[in-house]
Amino acid sequence: MIEARRLHILRAVADHRTVTAAAAALYLTPSAVSQQLTALEQETGHRLVERGARGVRLTPAGEILLGHTNAVLAQLERAEAELAAYGSGEAGTVTVAAFATGIGLVVAPALAALANSRPGIRVRVRDAEGDASLPMVLDRQVDVAVAVEYRGAPAAGDARLTHVPLYAEPFDAVVPTAHRLAEAGRVPLAELAKDPWIGPYPGNPCHDVVVLACESAGFQPDFDHSSDDFRAVVALASAGAGVALVPRSALRGTDLAGVTVRPVEGVAPTRRVFAAVRRGSEAHPLIRPVLDALGEAARGAW
């Protein structure tokens, strides 16, 4: 008989590629993870992982079992959801990971709405960049992620996750008030090819949006300054340090003295924001109201 907790460990190892990283995500020791993998191999009668200098990878047998693992764990999530519903599901804690702008735009309003409609649900919020929250959901560190589409992100049809679209927002050009394009109605990105740029660090999903937009305009942006805090990005632009593309919601409440904000000519760079939960848990009586509240907050945000 295969133990479900060992399947969870197998999936963590497949996701993180090393025993050490999987152990850290699961709050276990590397030796405990190795022991559980060995026990799983004994249960199945197959070698499931191969260890090398760069970490571990699944064998063909391990890949087969991983496919079934996603289905089994999703069904267990559904079982927990139904049992929770049977037991009333009126009170409990849901942990949400979201990036800073998403917290302000949808998470905080959703939390306020739930305080009135479902006072028994306690929502705990953790600040996490858009590319960090999905692994936190998969590793069961949080229940819900408010995340951003990015290169390498699990696709909407991923067997491990259920996606709930929330909103899409354009990026606007932010230039110093003395910039040659400050009076333009719309800013052609190609005309910023020679400017110094200010933007998020590589790995931040917004960095990908900016780079892809510039590549589509025919150039690679030259980042002189990097910050994941858009208030700092705008402040640097106001000091004449360069130009930037900033999500529209991140400009709300930001000091725009010294800069001009203009829409981008043509198809605007856009970030698409969604909520994600472990597949099967979307019907949980504590999680479903949180997803509904996030969706309602997103509809009212624009």
Protein backbone atom coordinates (compact mmCIF):
# COMPACT_ATOMS: atom_id res chain seq x y z
CA MET A 1 0.00 0.00 0.00
CA ILE A 2 1.43 3.39 -1.03
CA GLU A 3 1.29 6.06 1.67
CA ALA A 4 -0.07 9.41 0.51
CA ARG A 5 2.44 11.43 2.54
CA ARG A 6 5.25 9.79 0.59
CA LEU A 7 3.59 10.83 -2.65
CA HIS A 8 3.61 14.40 -1.37
CA ILE A 9 7.35 14.08 -0.72
CA LEU A 10 7.90 12.68 -4.22
CA ARG A 11 6.13 15.68 -5.74
CA ALA A 12 8.14 18.12 -3.63
CA VAL A 13 11.38 16.51 -4.79
CA ALA A 14 10.21 16.69 -8.41
CA ASP A 15 9.30 20.37 -7.97
CA HIS A 16 12.45 21.46 -6.14
CA ARG A 17 14.97 19.16 -7.88
CA THR A 18 17.04 18.57 -4.76
CA VAL A 19 16.39 16.63 -1.57
CA THR A 20 17.67 19.54 0.53
CA ALA A 21 15.30 22.08 -1.05
CA ALA A 22 12.34 19.70 -0.82
CA ALA A 23 13.15 19.01 2.85
CA ALA A 24 13.29 22.74 3.62
CA ALA A 25 9.91 23.32 1.93
CA LEU A 26 8.32 20.46 3.85
CA TYR A 27 9.99 21.34 7.18
CA LEU A 28 11.73 17.97 7.26
CA THR A 29 15.36 16.95 7.41
CA PRO A 30 17.07 15.80 4.20
CA SER A 31 17.64 12.39 5.78
CA ALA A 32 13.91 12.06 6.53
CA VAL A 33 13.07 12.89 2.91
CA SER A 34 15.62 10.34 1.66
CA GLN A 35 14.23 7.69 4.00
CA GLN A 36 10.68 8.31 2.79
CA LEU A 37 11.79 8.11 -0.86
CA THR A 38 13.54 4.83 -0.14
CA ALA A 39 10.41 3.51 1.56
CA LEU A 40 8.30 4.60 -1.42
CA GLU A 41 10.64 2.77 -3.79
CA GLN A 42 10.27 -0.34 -1.65
CA GLU A 43 6.49 0.01 -1.69
CA THR A 44 6.35 0.35 -5.47
CA GLY A 45 9.17 -2.05 -6.33
CA HIS A 46 10.73 0.55 -8.65
CA ARG A 47 13.59 2.97 -8.56
CA LEU A 48 11.90 6.37 -8.62
CA VAL A 49 14.71 8.96 -8.44
CA GLU A 50 18.26 9.24 -9.67
CA ARG A 51 20.77 11.32 -7.73
CA GLY A 52 23.49 13.28 -9.47
CA ALA A 53 25.89 16.16 -8.91
CA ARG A 54 23.20 18.70 -9.81
CA GLY A 55 20.45 17.21 -7.70
CA VAL A 56 17.86 14.52 -8.35
CA ARG A 57 15.57 13.72 -11.24
CA LEU A 58 12.73 11.25 -11.61
CA THR A 59 13.22 7.98 -13.41
CA PRO A 60 10.62 6.94 -16.03
CA ALA A 61 8.89 4.97 -13.28
CA GLY A 62 9.00 8.05 -11.07
CA GLU A 63 7.41 10.17 -13.81
CA ILE A 64 4.59 7.63 -14.15
CA LEU A 65 3.97 7.68 -10.42
CA LEU A 66 4.12 11.51 -10.36
CA GLY A 67 1.26 11.67 -12.87
CA HIS A 68 -0.87 9.54 -10.57
CA THR A 69 0.35 11.51 -7.55
CA ASN A 70 -1.19 14.74 -8.83
CA ALA A 71 -4.55 13.00 -9.27
CA VAL A 72 -4.39 11.25 -5.88
CA LEU A 73 -3.47 14.41 -3.95
CA ALA A 74 -6.17 16.41 -5.72
CA GLN A 75 -8.73 13.78 -4.74
CA LEU A 76 -7.53 13.89 -1.13
CA GLU A 77 -7.97 17.68 -1.18
CA ARG A 78 -11.56 17.14 -2.38
CA ALA A 79 -12.11 14.62 0.41
CA GLU A 80 -10.88 17.13 3.00
CA ALA A 81 -13.14 19.79 1.48
CA GLU A 82 -16.22 17.56 1.67
CA LEU A 83 -15.43 16.46 5.23
CA ALA A 84 -14.92 20.07 6.28
CA ALA A 85 -18.24 20.99 4.69
CA TYR A 86 -19.91 18.13 6.54
CA GLY A 87 -18.45 19.40 9.79
CA SER A 88 -19.98 22.86 9.11
CA GLY A 89 -16.93 24.78 7.92
CA GLU A 90 -18.11 27.93 9.63
CA ALA A 91 -14.80 28.85 11.28
CA GLY A 92 -11.12 28.45 10.54
CA THR A 93 -7.98 30.07 9.19
CA VAL A 94 -7.01 30.56 5.55
CA THR A 95 -3.51 31.78 4.68
CA VAL A 96 -3.09 33.91 1.55
CA ALA A 97 0.24 34.77 -0.10
CA ALA A 98 0.23 37.78 -2.42
CA PHE A 99 2.55 40.44 -3.83
CA ALA A 100 2.37 43.91 -2.29
CA THR A 101 0.21 45.61 -4.93
CA GLY A 102 -2.16 42.65 -5.01
CA ILE A 103 -2.54 42.88 -1.24
CA GLY A 104 -3.61 46.49 -1.50
CA LEU A 105 -5.81 46.06 -4.55
CA VAL A 106 -7.73 42.85 -3.81
CA VAL A 107 -6.58 41.00 -0.69
CA ALA A 108 -7.24 43.79 1.82
CA PRO A 109 -10.71 44.60 0.40
CA ALA A 110 -11.55 40.88 0.36
CA LEU A 111 -10.44 40.56 3.98
CA ALA A 112 -12.65 43.49 4.97
CA ALA A 113 -15.65 42.00 3.14
CA LEU A 114 -15.15 38.61 4.78
CA ALA A 115 -15.00 40.22 8.21
CA ASN A 116 -18.64 41.22 7.64
CA SER A 117 -19.98 38.25 5.66
CA ARG A 118 -18.00 35.38 7.19
CA PRO A 119 -16.62 36.52 10.57
CA GLY A 120 -15.65 32.97 11.46
CA ILE A 121 -13.01 32.89 8.71
CA ARG A 122 -9.68 34.31 9.81
CA VAL A 123 -7.44 35.32 6.90
CA ARG A 124 -3.69 35.48 7.41
CA VAL A 125 -1.70 37.35 4.76
CA ARG A 126 1.91 36.77 3.72
CA ASP A 127 3.77 39.11 1.37
CA ALA A 128 5.34 37.11 -1.46
CA GLU A 129 6.38 38.06 -4.97
CA GLY A 130 4.20 36.77 -7.80
CA ASP A 131 6.61 33.96 -8.67
CA ALA A 132 7.13 32.81 -5.06
CA SER A 133 3.54 32.25 -3.94
CA LEU A 134 2.75 29.27 -6.20
CA PRO A 135 5.47 27.04 -4.71
CA MET A 136 4.19 28.05 -1.28
CA VAL A 137 0.74 26.72 -2.20
CA LEU A 138 2.14 23.47 -3.57
CA ASP A 139 4.28 22.99 -0.47
CA ARG A 140 1.20 23.61 1.74
CA GLN A 141 2.79 26.64 3.38
CA VAL A 142 -0.26 28.71 2.37
CA ASP A 143 -3.77 27.92 1.13
CA VAL A 144 -4.22 30.58 -1.57
CA ALA A 145 -1.78 32.42 -3.81
CA VAL A 146 -2.46 35.69 -5.57
CA ALA A 147 0.06 35.37 -8.36
CA VAL A 148 1.12 36.79 -11.71
CA GLU A 149 1.63 34.94 -14.98
CA TYR A 150 5.34 34.65 -15.74
CA ARG A 151 7.70 32.63 -17.87
CA GLY A 152 8.06 29.17 -16.37
CA ALA A 153 4.93 29.44 -14.22
CA PRO A 154 2.67 26.39 -13.92
CA ALA A 155 0.12 26.59 -16.72
CA ALA A 156 -3.59 27.15 -16.08
CA GLY A 157 -4.22 23.46 -16.81
CA ASP A 158 -1.57 22.21 -14.37
CA ALA A 159 -2.87 19.09 -12.62
CA ARG A 160 -1.68 20.36 -9.24
CA LEU A 161 -3.46 23.72 -9.19
CA THR A 162 -6.78 25.41 -9.86
CA HIS A 163 -6.51 28.93 -11.31
CA VAL A 164 -9.12 31.66 -10.78
CA PRO A 165 -8.52 34.74 -13.00
CA LEU A 166 -8.73 38.02 -11.07
CA TYR A 167 -7.67 40.93 -13.26
CA ALA A 168 -5.33 42.13 -15.99
CA GLU A 169 -3.69 45.53 -15.77
CA PRO A 170 -1.59 47.54 -18.22
CA PHE A 171 1.85 48.98 -17.58
CA ASP A 172 2.26 52.71 -18.16
CA ALA A 173 5.42 54.55 -19.18
CA VAL A 174 6.94 56.68 -16.42
CA VAL A 175 9.40 59.34 -17.59
CA PRO A 176 10.96 62.40 -15.93
CA THR A 177 8.97 65.61 -16.51
CA ALA A 178 11.88 67.02 -18.53
CA HIS A 179 11.97 63.97 -20.83
CA ARG A 180 11.55 64.58 -24.56
CA LEU A 181 8.41 62.37 -24.61
CA ALA A 182 6.78 63.84 -21.51
CA GLU A 183 4.25 65.72 -23.63
CA ALA A 184 3.42 62.79 -25.92
CA GLY A 185 -0.12 61.48 -25.80
CA ARG A 186 1.15 57.91 -25.94
CA VAL A 187 4.74 56.72 -25.65
CA PRO A 188 6.21 54.54 -28.44
CA LEU A 189 8.46 52.07 -26.60
CA ALA A 190 10.93 51.93 -29.50
CA GLU A 191 11.79 55.60 -28.86
CA LEU A 192 13.01 54.66 -25.37
CA ALA A 193 15.56 52.16 -26.68
CA LYS A 194 18.56 54.42 -25.92
CA ASP A 195 17.35 55.58 -22.50
CA PRO A 196 18.64 54.23 -19.18
CA TRP A 197 15.98 52.03 -17.57
CA ILE A 198 14.76 51.46 -14.04
CA GLY A 199 12.94 48.24 -13.21
CA PRO A 200 12.47 45.15 -11.06
CA TYR A 201 15.17 42.55 -10.61
CA PRO A 202 15.33 39.50 -12.90
CA GLY A 203 13.09 36.80 -11.46
CA ASN A 204 10.34 39.26 -10.62
CA PRO A 205 7.41 38.58 -13.01
CA CYS A 206 7.17 42.31 -13.75
CA HIS A 207 10.75 42.22 -15.02
CA ASP A 208 9.63 39.65 -17.59
CA VAL A 209 6.72 41.86 -18.69
CA VAL A 210 9.02 44.86 -19.22
CA VAL A 211 11.70 42.88 -21.07
CA LEU A 212 9.18 41.14 -23.34
CA ALA A 213 7.50 44.45 -24.19
CA CYS A 214 10.83 46.03 -25.08
CA GLU A 215 11.88 42.99 -27.11
CA SER A 216 8.62 43.26 -29.05
CA ALA A 217 9.53 46.89 -29.75
CA GLY A 218 12.90 45.77 -31.10
CA PHE A 219 15.39 46.39 -28.30
CA GLN A 220 16.77 45.13 -25.00
CA PRO A 221 16.30 47.60 -22.13
CA ASP A 222 19.51 48.72 -20.41
CA PHE A 223 18.73 48.59 -16.68
CA ASP A 224 20.90 51.10 -14.85
CA HIS A 225 18.86 50.82 -11.64
CA SER A 226 16.92 47.91 -10.13
CA SER A 227 14.28 47.76 -7.41
CA ASP A 228 11.26 45.57 -6.74
CA ASP A 229 9.58 48.51 -4.96
CA PHE A 230 7.74 50.61 -7.54
CA ARG A 231 7.75 53.64 -5.22
CA ALA A 232 11.55 53.52 -5.46
CA VAL A 233 11.34 53.09 -9.24
CA VAL A 234 9.16 56.20 -9.57
CA ALA A 235 11.40 58.16 -7.20
CA LEU A 236 14.45 57.34 -9.33
CA ALA A 237 12.59 58.38 -12.48
CA SER A 238 11.62 61.67 -10.81
CA ALA A 239 15.33 62.24 -10.13
CA GLY A 240 16.02 61.90 -13.86
CA ALA A 241 17.78 58.53 -13.45
CA GLY A 242 15.89 56.84 -16.28
CA VAL A 243 12.56 55.63 -17.61
CA ALA A 244 10.33 52.78 -16.50
CA LEU A 245 7.23 50.73 -17.15
CA VAL A 246 5.06 50.43 -14.03
CA PRO A 247 1.80 48.53 -13.43
CA ARG A 248 -1.05 51.02 -13.29
CA SER A 249 -2.23 49.92 -9.85
CA ALA A 250 1.27 50.43 -8.42
CA LEU A 251 1.01 54.13 -9.29
CA ARG A 252 -2.00 54.62 -7.01
CA GLY A 253 -0.99 56.58 -3.95
CA THR A 254 2.57 57.00 -5.24
CA ASP A 255 4.20 60.44 -5.24
CA LEU A 256 4.32 61.34 -8.93
CA ALA A 257 6.00 64.73 -8.51
CA GLY A 258 8.79 64.99 -11.05
CA VAL A 259 7.47 62.34 -13.43
CA THR A 260 4.96 62.11 -16.24
CA VAL A 261 2.84 58.99 -16.68
CA ARG A 262 1.71 58.11 -20.17
CA PRO A 263 0.04 55.04 -21.74
CA VAL A 264 2.13 52.99 -24.13
CA GLU A 265 1.42 53.27 -27.82
CA GLY A 266 -0.05 50.13 -29.38
CA VAL A 267 -0.71 47.00 -27.36
CA ALA A 268 0.09 47.83 -23.74
CA PRO A 269 2.32 45.51 -21.70
CA THR A 270 0.02 43.69 -19.31
CA ARG A 271 0.31 41.55 -16.21
CA ARG A 272 -2.38 38.98 -15.60
CA VAL A 273 -3.19 38.26 -11.99
CA PHE A 274 -4.94 35.15 -10.71
CA ALA A 275 -5.65 33.26 -7.52
CA ALA A 276 -4.44 29.69 -7.25
CA VAL A 277 -5.19 26.86 -4.84
CA ARG A 278 -4.24 23.21 -4.72
CA ARG A 279 -6.50 21.38 -7.13
CA GLY A 280 -9.43 19.88 -5.28
CA SER A 281 -9.39 22.43 -2.47
CA GLU A 282 -11.35 25.10 -4.37
CA ALA A 283 -14.63 23.74 -2.93
CA HIS A 284 -13.40 23.79 0.69
CA PRO A 285 -15.96 25.73 2.76
CA LEU A 286 -13.25 28.00 4.13
CA ILE A 287 -11.34 28.53 0.88
CA ARG A 288 -14.33 29.01 -1.45
CA PRO A 289 -15.54 32.19 0.30
CA VAL A 290 -12.01 33.62 0.15
CA LEU A 291 -11.79 32.98 -3.60
CA ASP A 292 -15.22 34.54 -4.10
CA ALA A 293 -14.23 37.60 -2.05
CA LEU A 294 -11.01 38.02 -4.04
CA GLY A 295 -12.97 37.85 -7.29
CA GLU A 296 -15.48 40.42 -6.07
CA ALA A 297 -12.69 42.74 -4.92
CA ALA A 298 -10.99 42.41 -8.32
CA ARG A 299 -14.20 43.32 -10.14
CA GLY A 300 -14.55 46.43 -7.99
CA ALA A 301 -10.92 47.49 -8.30
CA TRP A 302 -11.18 49.02 -11.75
